[in-house]
Amino acid sequence: MDAKAMLVPASADPVIEVSGQRMNTDALGKKVLSGELLNESGQPVNIAQTLAVFYDSNGRVIWVSDGYIDQALLPQTPVHFAVDLPDDVAAKVQNYHVTVNHYSSGNS
């Protein structure tokens, strides 16, 4: 089953671009997938969660990792993200896909 095929944004949802994705080692020596998020809508996104799915050479899911962004995503302001994964899993990763879940509180 392809998880990407099941994610369909509603027309009123903010558009959040994920760019500059790269696998590297952080300052603590942990393997991480990092990149930038860009809120392309005109409204702030109060809570953003990154969800990364990692695949092996056969296209099978071998790991799922997530993380919350520690600040609101303001319109047109890039924000760094990083999710970690175990070293033994990182060695098997051939591909990955990042999705952003979000929540915005409205003013009453």
PDB file of N, CA and C in Angstrom:
ATOM      1  N   MET A   1       0.842  -1.171   0.000  1.00  0.00           N
ATOM      2  CA  MET A   1       0.000   0.000   0.000  1.00  0.00           C
ATOM      3  C   MET A   1       0.888   1.234   0.000  1.00  0.00           C
ATOM      4  N   ASP A   2       0.571   2.204  -0.808  1.00  0.00           N
ATOM      5  CA  ASP A   2       1.331   3.442  -0.904  1.00  0.00           C
ATOM      6  C   ASP A   2       0.684   4.489  -0.009  1.00  0.00           C
ATOM      7  N   ALA A   3       1.376   4.864   1.071  1.00  0.00           N
ATOM      8  CA  ALA A   3       0.819   5.822   2.032  1.00  0.00           C
ATOM      9  C   ALA A   3       0.588   7.181   1.401  1.00  0.00           C
ATOM     10  N   LYS A   4       1.402   7.565   0.436  1.00  0.00           N
ATOM     11  CA  LYS A   4       1.257   8.875  -0.195  1.00  0.00           C
ATOM     12  C   LYS A   4      -0.082   9.016  -0.912  1.00  0.00           C
ATOM     13  N   ALA A   5      -0.592   7.932  -1.456  1.00  0.00           N
ATOM     14  CA  ALA A   5      -1.835   7.988  -2.221  1.00  0.00           C
ATOM     15  C   ALA A   5      -3.037   8.293  -1.340  1.00  0.00           C
ATOM     16  N   MET A   6      -2.914   8.103  -0.041  1.00  0.00           N
ATOM     17  CA  MET A   6      -4.035   8.306   0.859  1.00  0.00           C
ATOM     18  C   MET A   6      -4.075   9.715   1.450  1.00  0.00           C
ATOM     19  N   LEU A   7      -3.079  10.545   1.183  1.00  0.00           N
ATOM     20  CA  LEU A   7      -3.023  11.885   1.746  1.00  0.00           C
ATOM     21  C   LEU A   7      -3.549  12.882   0.729  1.00  0.00           C
ATOM     22  N   VAL A   8      -4.729  13.404   0.983  1.00  0.00           N
ATOM     23  CA  VAL A   8      -5.365  14.334   0.051  1.00  0.00           C
ATOM     24  C   VAL A   8      -5.703  15.613   0.803  1.00  0.00           C
ATOM     25  N   PRO A   9      -5.025  16.736   0.501  1.00  0.00           N
ATOM     26  CA  PRO A   9      -5.331  17.971   1.213  1.00  0.00           C
ATOM     27  C   PRO A   9      -6.675  18.544   0.786  1.00  0.00           C
ATOM     28  N   ALA A  10      -7.348  19.180   1.727  1.00  0.00           N
ATOM     29  CA  ALA A  10      -8.579  19.903   1.407  1.00  0.00           C
ATOM     30  C   ALA A  10      -8.192  21.236   0.789  1.00  0.00           C
ATOM     31  N   SER A  11      -9.076  21.813   0.019  1.00  0.00           N
ATOM     32  CA  SER A  11      -8.738  23.043  -0.700  1.00  0.00           C
ATOM     33  C   SER A  11      -8.435  24.208   0.233  1.00  0.00           C
ATOM     34  N   ALA A  12      -8.955  24.205   1.456  1.00  0.00           N
ATOM     35  CA  ALA A  12      -8.710  25.299   2.393  1.00  0.00           C
ATOM     36  C   ALA A  12      -7.457  25.080   3.241  1.00  0.00           C
ATOM     37  N   ASP A  13      -6.825  23.909   3.127  1.00  0.00           N
ATOM     38  CA  ASP A  13      -5.624  23.633   3.909  1.00  0.00           C
ATOM     39  C   ASP A  13      -4.464  24.496   3.445  1.00  0.00           C
ATOM     40  N   PRO A  14      -3.607  24.922   4.378  1.00  0.00           N
ATOM     41  CA  PRO A  14      -2.415  25.650   3.958  1.00  0.00           C
ATOM     42  C   PRO A  14      -1.487  24.734   3.164  1.00  0.00           C
ATOM     43  N   VAL A  15      -0.755  25.316   2.258  1.00  0.00           N
ATOM     44  CA  VAL A  15       0.230  24.572   1.479  1.00  0.00           C
ATOM     45  C   VAL A  15       1.575  24.756   2.163  1.00  0.00           C
ATOM     46  N   ILE A  16       2.187  23.641   2.576  1.00  0.00           N
ATOM     47  CA  ILE A  16       3.483  23.689   3.242  1.00  0.00           C
ATOM     48  C   ILE A  16       4.479  22.928   2.381  1.00  0.00           C
ATOM     49  N   GLU A  17       5.445  23.646   1.865  1.00  0.00           N
ATOM     50  CA  GLU A  17       6.481  23.055   1.016  1.00  0.00           C
ATOM     51  C   GLU A  17       7.568  22.442   1.893  1.00  0.00           C
ATOM     52  N   VAL A  18       8.041  21.256   1.504  1.00  0.00           N
ATOM     53  CA  VAL A  18       9.168  20.600   2.153  1.00  0.00           C
ATOM     54  C   VAL A  18      10.312  20.623   1.149  1.00  0.00           C
ATOM     55  N   SER A  19      11.446  21.213   1.532  1.00  0.00           N
ATOM     56  CA  SER A  19      12.560  21.319   0.584  1.00  0.00           C
ATOM     57  C   SER A  19      13.896  21.060   1.283  1.00  0.00           C
ATOM     58  N   GLY A  20      14.928  20.885   0.471  1.00  0.00           N
ATOM     59  CA  GLY A  20      16.286  20.716   0.983  1.00  0.00           C
ATOM     60  C   GLY A  20      16.466  19.488   1.853  1.00  0.00           C
ATOM     61  N   GLN A  21      15.693  18.447   1.593  1.00  0.00           N
ATOM     62  CA  GLN A  21      15.780  17.243   2.417  1.00  0.00           C
ATOM     63  C   GLN A  21      17.122  16.551   2.206  1.00  0.00           C
ATOM     64  N   ARG A  22      17.745  16.163   3.330  1.00  0.00           N
ATOM     65  CA  ARG A  22      19.032  15.472   3.248  1.00  0.00           C
ATOM     66  C   ARG A  22      19.238  14.610   4.496  1.00  0.00           C
ATOM     67  N   MET A  23      19.899  13.493   4.296  1.00  0.00           N
ATOM     68  CA  MET A  23      20.267  12.615   5.406  1.00  0.00           C
ATOM     69  C   MET A  23      21.678  13.002   5.831  1.00  0.00           C
ATOM     70  N   ASN A  24      21.866  13.215   7.135  1.00  0.00           N
ATOM     71  CA  ASN A  24      23.195  13.527   7.637  1.00  0.00           C
ATOM     72  C   ASN A  24      23.297  13.124   9.103  1.00  0.00           C
ATOM     73  N   THR A  25      24.400  13.500   9.731  1.00  0.00           N
ATOM     74  CA  THR A  25      24.642  13.210  11.137  1.00  0.00           C
ATOM     75  C   THR A  25      24.612  14.521  11.901  1.00  0.00           C
ATOM     76  N   ASP A  26      23.872  14.563  13.010  1.00  0.00           N
ATOM     77  CA  ASP A  26      23.777  15.811  13.776  1.00  0.00           C
ATOM     78  C   ASP A  26      24.970  15.964  14.725  1.00  0.00           C
ATOM     79  N   ALA A  27      24.974  17.028  15.517  1.00  0.00           N
ATOM     80  CA  ALA A  27      26.084  17.334  16.419  1.00  0.00           C
ATOM     81  C   ALA A  27      26.274  16.273  17.505  1.00  0.00           C
ATOM     82  N   LEU A  28      25.234  15.507  17.793  1.00  0.00           N
ATOM     83  CA  LEU A  28      25.322  14.447  18.796  1.00  0.00           C
ATOM     84  C   LEU A  28      25.689  13.098  18.195  1.00  0.00           C
ATOM     85  N   GLY A  29      25.921  13.063  16.883  1.00  0.00           N
ATOM     86  CA  GLY A  29      26.293  11.827  16.207  1.00  0.00           C
ATOM     87  C   GLY A  29      25.125  10.967  15.778  1.00  0.00           C
ATOM     88  N   LYS A  30      23.896  11.481  15.887  1.00  0.00           N
ATOM     89  CA  LYS A  30      22.711  10.725  15.473  1.00  0.00           C
ATOM     90  C   LYS A  30      22.416  10.960  13.997  1.00  0.00           C
ATOM     91  N   LYS A  31      21.886   9.930  13.343  1.00  0.00           N
ATOM     92  CA  LYS A  31      21.459  10.052  11.955  1.00  0.00           C
ATOM     93  C   LYS A  31      20.129  10.792  11.915  1.00  0.00           C
ATOM     94  N   VAL A  32      20.034  11.792  11.051  1.00  0.00           N
ATOM     95  CA  VAL A  32      18.812  12.585  10.945  1.00  0.00           C
ATOM     96  C   VAL A  32      18.477  12.864   9.486  1.00  0.00           C
ATOM     97  N   LEU A  33      17.204  13.050   9.245  1.00  0.00           N
ATOM     98  CA  LEU A  33      16.723  13.586   7.977  1.00  0.00           C
ATOM     99  C   LEU A  33      16.303  15.011   8.300  1.00  0.00           C
ATOM    100  N   SER A  34      16.886  15.978   7.607  1.00  0.00           N
ATOM    101  CA  SER A  34      16.564  17.373   7.888  1.00  0.00           C
ATOM    102  C   SER A  34      16.209  18.095   6.603  1.00  0.00           C
ATOM    103  N   GLY A  35      15.658  19.273   6.767  1.00  0.00           N
ATOM    104  CA  GLY A  35      15.273  20.087   5.624  1.00  0.00           C
ATOM    105  C   GLY A  35      14.598  21.358   6.086  1.00  0.00           C
ATOM    106  N   GLU A  36      13.854  21.973   5.184  1.00  0.00           N
ATOM    107  CA  GLU A  36      13.168  23.232   5.462  1.00  0.00           C
ATOM    108  C   GLU A  36      11.682  23.089   5.150  1.00  0.00           C
ATOM    109  N   LEU A  37      10.870  23.754   5.956  1.00  0.00           N
ATOM    110  CA  LEU A  37       9.432  23.856   5.709  1.00  0.00           C
ATOM    111  C   LEU A  37       9.125  25.300   5.357  1.00  0.00           C
ATOM    112  N   LEU A  38       8.247  25.501   4.380  1.00  0.00           N
ATOM    113  CA  LEU A  38       7.841  26.846   3.992  1.00  0.00           C
ATOM    114  C   LEU A  38       6.326  26.880   3.883  1.00  0.00           C
ATOM    115  N   ASN A  39       5.711  27.688   4.720  1.00  0.00           N
ATOM    116  CA  ASN A  39       4.267  27.880   4.706  1.00  0.00           C
ATOM    117  C   ASN A  39       3.948  28.827   3.556  1.00  0.00           C
ATOM    118  N   GLU A  40       3.351  28.304   2.499  1.00  0.00           N
ATOM    119  CA  GLU A  40       3.054  29.104   1.312  1.00  0.00           C
ATOM    120  C   GLU A  40       1.674  29.755   1.367  1.00  0.00           C
ATOM    121  N   SER A  41       0.967  29.571   2.479  1.00  0.00           N
ATOM    122  CA  SER A  41      -0.351  30.192   2.605  1.00  0.00           C
ATOM    123  C   SER A  41      -0.206  31.572   3.243  1.00  0.00           C
ATOM    124  N   GLY A  42      -1.303  32.265   3.384  1.00  0.00           N
ATOM    125  CA  GLY A  42      -1.284  33.598   3.969  1.00  0.00           C
ATOM    126  C   GLY A  42      -1.570  33.618   5.457  1.00  0.00           C
ATOM    127  N   GLN A  43      -1.791  32.445   6.069  1.00  0.00           N
ATOM    128  CA  GLN A  43      -2.125  32.365   7.488  1.00  0.00           C
ATOM    129  C   GLN A  43      -1.072  31.552   8.237  1.00  0.00           C
ATOM    130  N   PRO A  44      -0.778  31.914   9.495  1.00  0.00           N
ATOM    131  CA  PRO A  44       0.167  31.115  10.286  1.00  0.00           C
ATOM    132  C   PRO A  44      -0.372  29.706  10.545  1.00  0.00           C
ATOM    133  N   VAL A  45       0.533  28.764  10.638  1.00  0.00           N
ATOM    134  CA  VAL A  45       0.214  27.400  11.057  1.00  0.00           C
ATOM    135  C   VAL A  45       0.768  27.273  12.470  1.00  0.00           C
ATOM    136  N   ASN A  46      -0.122  27.113  13.454  1.00  0.00           N
ATOM    137  CA  ASN A  46       0.296  27.125  14.853  1.00  0.00           C
ATOM    138  C   ASN A  46       1.088  25.888  15.258  1.00  0.00           C
ATOM    139  N   ILE A  47       0.643  24.729  14.827  1.00  0.00           N
ATOM    140  CA  ILE A  47       1.316  23.482  15.186  1.00  0.00           C
ATOM    141  C   ILE A  47       1.592  22.707  13.907  1.00  0.00           C
ATOM    142  N   ALA A  48       2.864  22.361  13.699  1.00  0.00           N
ATOM    143  CA  ALA A  48       3.243  21.567  12.525  1.00  0.00           C
ATOM    144  C   ALA A  48       3.982  20.314  12.991  1.00  0.00           C
ATOM    145  N   GLN A  49       3.624  19.187  12.396  1.00  0.00           N
ATOM    146  CA  GLN A  49       4.255  17.910  12.692  1.00  0.00           C
ATOM    147  C   GLN A  49       4.808  17.348  11.395  1.00  0.00           C
ATOM    148  N   THR A  50       6.094  17.002  11.398  1.00  0.00           N
ATOM    149  CA  THR A  50       6.667  16.330  10.234  1.00  0.00           C
ATOM    150  C   THR A  50       6.572  14.824  10.460  1.00  0.00           C
ATOM    151  N   LEU A  51       6.240  14.118   9.402  1.00  0.00           N
ATOM    152  CA  LEU A  51       6.138  12.667   9.430  1.00  0.00           C
ATOM    153  C   LEU A  51       6.978  12.143   8.272  1.00  0.00           C
ATOM    154  N   ALA A  52       8.032  11.396   8.595  1.00  0.00           N
ATOM    155  CA  ALA A  52       8.932  10.864   7.572  1.00  0.00           C
ATOM    156  C   ALA A  52       8.786   9.348   7.506  1.00  0.00           C
ATOM    157  N   VAL A  53       8.588   8.845   6.297  1.00  0.00           N
ATOM    158  CA  VAL A  53       8.489   7.407   6.055  1.00  0.00           C
ATOM    159  C   VAL A  53       9.729   7.005   5.270  1.00  0.00           C
ATOM    160  N   PHE A  54      10.436   5.992   5.751  1.00  0.00           N
ATOM    161  CA  PHE A  54      11.683   5.542   5.137  1.00  0.00           C
ATOM    162  C   PHE A  54      11.475   4.179   4.483  1.00  0.00           C
ATOM    163  N   TYR A  55      12.037   4.010   3.289  1.00  0.00           N
ATOM    164  CA  TYR A  55      11.850   2.802   2.484  1.00  0.00           C
ATOM    165  C   TYR A  55      13.189   2.128   2.206  1.00  0.00           C
ATOM    166  N   ASP A  56      13.170   0.793   2.075  1.00  0.00           N
ATOM    167  CA  ASP A  56      14.372   0.054   1.686  1.00  0.00           C
ATOM    168  C   ASP A  56      14.446  -0.063   0.163  1.00  0.00           C
ATOM    169  N   SER A  57      15.404  -0.830  -0.329  1.00  0.00           N
ATOM    170  CA  SER A  57      15.616  -0.950  -1.775  1.00  0.00           C
ATOM    171  C   SER A  57      14.470  -1.665  -2.492  1.00  0.00           C
ATOM    172  N   ASN A  58      13.622  -2.375  -1.754  1.00  0.00           N
ATOM    173  CA  ASN A  58      12.456  -3.039  -2.341  1.00  0.00           C
ATOM    174  C   ASN A  58      11.193  -2.191  -2.248  1.00  0.00           C
ATOM    175  N   GLY A  59      11.327  -0.964  -1.746  1.00  0.00           N
ATOM    176  CA  GLY A  59      10.179  -0.080  -1.615  1.00  0.00           C
ATOM    177  C   GLY A  59       9.308  -0.356  -0.406  1.00  0.00           C
ATOM    178  N   ARG A  60       9.807  -1.179   0.510  1.00  0.00           N
ATOM    179  CA  ARG A  60       9.053  -1.487   1.728  1.00  0.00           C
ATOM    180  C   ARG A  60       9.354  -0.464   2.816  1.00  0.00           C
ATOM    181  N   VAL A  61       8.335  -0.137   3.593  1.00  0.00           N
ATOM    182  CA  VAL A  61       8.522   0.769   4.725  1.00  0.00           C
ATOM    183  C   VAL A  61       9.371   0.061   5.778  1.00  0.00           C
ATOM    184  N   ILE A  62      10.475   0.718   6.191  1.00  0.00           N
ATOM    185  CA  ILE A  62      11.329   0.127   7.222  1.00  0.00           C
ATOM    186  C   ILE A  62      11.374   0.969   8.496  1.00  0.00           C
ATOM    187  N   TRP A  63      10.895   2.207   8.415  1.00  0.00           N
ATOM    188  CA  TRP A  63      10.891   3.046   9.612  1.00  0.00           C
ATOM    189  C   TRP A  63       9.981   4.249   9.385  1.00  0.00           C
ATOM    190  N   VAL A  64       9.361   4.697  10.454  1.00  0.00           N
ATOM    191  CA  VAL A  64       8.560   5.921  10.424  1.00  0.00           C
ATOM    192  C   VAL A  64       9.005   6.767  11.606  1.00  0.00           C
ATOM    193  N   SER A  65       9.252   8.038  11.364  1.00  0.00           N
ATOM    194  CA  SER A  65       9.688   8.942  12.423  1.00  0.00           C
ATOM    195  C   SER A  65       8.924  10.252  12.299  1.00  0.00           C
ATOM    196  N   ASP A  66       8.694  10.899  13.431  1.00  0.00           N
ATOM    197  CA  ASP A  66       7.991  12.178  13.378  1.00  0.00           C
ATOM    198  C   ASP A  66       8.600  13.160  14.364  1.00  0.00           C
ATOM    199  N   GLY A  67       8.213  14.395  14.228  1.00  0.00           N
ATOM    200  CA  GLY A  67       8.658  15.427  15.151  1.00  0.00           C
ATOM    201  C   GLY A  67       7.780  16.654  15.004  1.00  0.00           C
ATOM    202  N   TYR A  68       7.652  17.384  16.096  1.00  0.00           N
ATOM    203  CA  TYR A  68       6.890  18.630  16.069  1.00  0.00           C
ATOM    204  C   TYR A  68       7.845  19.804  15.914  1.00  0.00           C
ATOM    205  N   ILE A  69       7.419  20.805  15.190  1.00  0.00           N
ATOM    206  CA  ILE A  69       8.204  22.020  15.013  1.00  0.00           C
ATOM    207  C   ILE A  69       7.948  22.894  16.238  1.00  0.00           C
ATOM    208  N   ASP A  70       9.015  23.455  16.816  1.00  0.00           N
ATOM    209  CA  ASP A  70       8.880  24.182  18.077  1.00  0.00           C
ATOM    210  C   ASP A  70       8.493  25.654  17.922  1.00  0.00           C
ATOM    211  N   GLN A  71       7.958  26.005  16.775  1.00  0.00           N
ATOM    212  CA  GLN A  71       7.471  27.364  16.552  1.00  0.00           C
ATOM    213  C   GLN A  71       6.384  27.331  15.491  1.00  0.00           C
ATOM    214  N   ALA A  72       5.607  28.400  15.439  1.00  0.00           N
ATOM    215  CA  ALA A  72       4.578  28.508  14.400  1.00  0.00           C
ATOM    216  C   ALA A  72       5.250  28.685  13.046  1.00  0.00           C
ATOM    217  N   LEU A  73       4.595  28.183  12.007  1.00  0.00           N
ATOM    218  CA  LEU A  73       5.077  28.411  10.640  1.00  0.00           C
ATOM    219  C   LEU A  73       4.399  29.670  10.128  1.00  0.00           C
ATOM    220  N   LEU A  74       5.155  30.747  10.075  1.00  0.00           N
ATOM    221  CA  LEU A  74       4.623  32.001   9.564  1.00  0.00           C
ATOM    222  C   LEU A  74       4.666  31.979   8.046  1.00  0.00           C
ATOM    223  N   PRO A  75       3.778  32.696   7.396  1.00  0.00           N
ATOM    224  CA  PRO A  75       3.768  32.703   5.929  1.00  0.00           C
ATOM    225  C   PRO A  75       5.117  33.137   5.346  1.00  0.00           C
ATOM    226  N   GLN A  76       5.576  32.376   4.369  1.00  0.00           N
ATOM    227  CA  GLN A  76       6.778  32.685   3.593  1.00  0.00           C
ATOM    228  C   GLN A  76       8.046  32.794   4.436  1.00  0.00           C
ATOM    229  N   THR A  77       8.100  32.097   5.587  1.00  0.00           N
ATOM    230  CA  THR A  77       9.279  32.108   6.456  1.00  0.00           C
ATOM    231  C   THR A  77       9.795  30.680   6.601  1.00  0.00           C
ATOM    232  N   PRO A  78      10.962  30.353   6.032  1.00  0.00           N
ATOM    233  CA  PRO A  78      11.483  28.985   6.127  1.00  0.00           C
ATOM    234  C   PRO A  78      11.806  28.607   7.575  1.00  0.00           C
ATOM    235  N   VAL A  79      11.501  27.365   7.923  1.00  0.00           N
ATOM    236  CA  VAL A  79      11.773  26.833   9.259  1.00  0.00           C
ATOM    237  C   VAL A  79      12.449  25.473   9.092  1.00  0.00           C
ATOM    238  N   HIS A  80      13.542  25.260   9.831  1.00  0.00           N
ATOM    239  CA  HIS A  80      14.296  24.005   9.784  1.00  0.00           C
ATOM    240  C   HIS A  80      13.518  22.896  10.501  1.00  0.00           C
ATOM    241  N   PHE A  81      13.627  21.664   9.994  1.00  0.00           N
ATOM    242  CA  PHE A  81      13.091  20.494  10.694  1.00  0.00           C
ATOM    243  C   PHE A  81      14.125  19.386  10.662  1.00  0.00           C
ATOM    244  N   ALA A  82      14.033  18.470  11.613  1.00  0.00           N
ATOM    245  CA  ALA A  82      14.898  17.292  11.637  1.00  0.00           C
ATOM    246  C   ALA A  82      14.178  16.175  12.379  1.00  0.00           C
ATOM    247  N   VAL A  83      14.238  14.982  11.826  1.00  0.00           N
ATOM    248  CA  VAL A  83      13.730  13.782  12.492  1.00  0.00           C
ATOM    249  C   VAL A  83      14.861  12.765  12.513  1.00  0.00           C
ATOM    250  N   ASP A  84      14.973  12.042  13.624  1.00  0.00           N
ATOM    251  CA  ASP A  84      16.087  11.105  13.742  1.00  0.00           C
ATOM    252  C   ASP A  84      15.655   9.679  13.440  1.00  0.00           C
ATOM    253  N   LEU A  85      16.664   8.845  13.219  1.00  0.00           N
ATOM    254  CA  LEU A  85      16.423   7.425  12.984  1.00  0.00           C
ATOM    255  C   LEU A  85      17.644   6.650  13.439  1.00  0.00           C
ATOM    256  N   PRO A  86      17.468   5.391  13.825  1.00  0.00           N
ATOM    257  CA  PRO A  86      18.584   4.577  14.305  1.00  0.00           C
ATOM    258  C   PRO A  86      19.624   4.341  13.206  1.00  0.00           C
ATOM    259  N   ASP A  87      20.889   4.213  13.627  1.00  0.00           N
ATOM    260  CA  ASP A  87      21.981   3.991  12.675  1.00  0.00           C
ATOM    261  C   ASP A  87      21.761   2.757  11.811  1.00  0.00           C
ATOM    262  N   ASP A  88      21.283   1.651  12.418  1.00  0.00           N
ATOM    263  CA  ASP A  88      21.105   0.420  11.643  1.00  0.00           C
ATOM    264  C   ASP A  88      20.017   0.577  10.585  1.00  0.00           C
ATOM    265  N   VAL A  89      19.006   1.377  10.868  1.00  0.00           N
ATOM    266  CA  VAL A  89      17.959   1.646   9.880  1.00  0.00           C
ATOM    267  C   VAL A  89      18.494   2.584   8.801  1.00  0.00           C
ATOM    268  N   ALA A  90      19.243   3.607   9.207  1.00  0.00           N
ATOM    269  CA  ALA A  90      19.782   4.589   8.254  1.00  0.00           C
ATOM    270  C   ALA A  90      20.615   3.913   7.168  1.00  0.00           C
ATOM    271  N   ALA A  91      21.324   2.860   7.524  1.00  0.00           N
ATOM    272  CA  ALA A  91      22.157   2.149   6.551  1.00  0.00           C
ATOM    273  C   ALA A  91      21.326   1.462   5.467  1.00  0.00           C
ATOM    274  N   LYS A  92      20.055   1.181   5.741  1.00  0.00           N
ATOM    275  CA  LYS A  92      19.191   0.474   4.795  1.00  0.00           C
ATOM    276  C   LYS A  92      18.287   1.396   3.981  1.00  0.00           C
ATOM    277  N   VAL A  93      18.247   2.683   4.326  1.00  0.00           N
ATOM    278  CA  VAL A  93      17.326   3.617   3.671  1.00  0.00           C
ATOM    279  C   VAL A  93      17.753   3.882   2.235  1.00  0.00           C
ATOM    280  N   GLN A  94      16.815   3.686   1.306  1.00  0.00           N
ATOM    281  CA  GLN A  94      17.048   3.994  -0.099  1.00  0.00           C
ATOM    282  C   GLN A  94      16.201   5.172  -0.562  1.00  0.00           C
ATOM    283  N   ASN A  95      15.115   5.426   0.151  1.00  0.00           N
ATOM    284  CA  ASN A  95      14.211   6.506  -0.231  1.00  0.00           C
ATOM    285  C   ASN A  95      13.416   6.920   1.001  1.00  0.00           C
ATOM    286  N   TYR A  96      12.819   8.096   0.941  1.00  0.00           N
ATOM    287  CA  TYR A  96      11.989   8.572   2.043  1.00  0.00           C
ATOM    288  C   TYR A  96      10.970   9.563   1.508  1.00  0.00           C
ATOM    289  N   HIS A  97       9.933   9.787   2.306  1.00  0.00           N
ATOM    290  CA  HIS A  97       8.890  10.745   1.942  1.00  0.00           C
ATOM    291  C   HIS A  97       8.484  11.493   3.205  1.00  0.00           C
ATOM    292  N   VAL A  98       8.449  12.822   3.121  1.00  0.00           N
ATOM    293  CA  VAL A  98       8.086  13.654   4.271  1.00  0.00           C
ATOM    294  C   VAL A  98       6.724  14.291   4.018  1.00  0.00           C
ATOM    295  N   THR A  99       5.855  14.196   5.015  1.00  0.00           N
ATOM    296  CA  THR A  99       4.535  14.814   4.992  1.00  0.00           C
ATOM    297  C   THR A  99       4.437  15.736   6.198  1.00  0.00           C
ATOM    298  N   VAL A 100       3.676  16.808   6.065  1.00  0.00           N
ATOM    299  CA  VAL A 100       3.490  17.737   7.179  1.00  0.00           C
ATOM    300  C   VAL A 100       2.015  17.765   7.567  1.00  0.00           C
ATOM    301  N   ASN A 101       1.746  17.440   8.820  1.00  0.00           N
ATOM    302  CA  ASN A 101       0.409  17.601   9.392  1.00  0.00           C
ATOM    303  C   ASN A 101       0.393  18.949  10.097  1.00  0.00           C
ATOM    304  N   HIS A 102      -0.759  19.576  10.183  1.00  0.00           N
ATOM    305  CA  HIS A 102      -0.787  20.919  10.764  1.00  0.00           C
ATOM    306  C   HIS A 102      -2.080  21.187  11.504  1.00  0.00           C
ATOM    307  N   TYR A 103      -2.001  22.183  12.382  1.00  0.00           N
ATOM    308  CA  TYR A 103      -3.173  22.669  13.086  1.00  0.00           C
ATOM    309  C   TYR A 103      -3.040  24.181  13.214  1.00  0.00           C
ATOM    310  N   SER A 104      -4.075  24.882  12.905  1.00  0.00           N
ATOM    311  CA  SER A 104      -4.104  26.335  13.056  1.00  0.00           C
ATOM    312  C   SER A 104      -5.337  26.704  13.859  1.00  0.00           C
ATOM    313  N   SER A 105      -5.141  27.486  14.904  1.00  0.00           N
ATOM    314  CA  SER A 105      -6.302  27.915  15.689  1.00  0.00           C
ATOM    315  C   SER A 105      -6.824  29.224  15.130  1.00  0.00           C
ATOM    316  N   GLY A 106      -8.125  29.299  14.988  1.00  0.00           N
ATOM    317  CA  GLY A 106      -8.747  30.510  14.464  1.00  0.00           C
ATOM    318  C   GLY A 106      -9.065  31.479  15.582  1.00  0.00           C
ATOM    319  N   ASN A 107      -9.175  32.734  15.250  1.00  0.00           N
ATOM    320  CA  ASN A 107      -9.567  33.746  16.226  1.00  0.00           C
ATOM    321  C   ASN A 107     -11.079  33.809  16.294  1.00  0.00           C
ATOM    322  N   SER A 108     -11.619  33.849  17.503  1.00  0.00           N
ATOM    323  CA  SER A 108     -13.072  33.909  17.662  1.00  0.00           C
ATOM    324  C   SER A 108     -13.503  35.310  17.985  1.00  0.00           C
TER     325      SER A 108
END
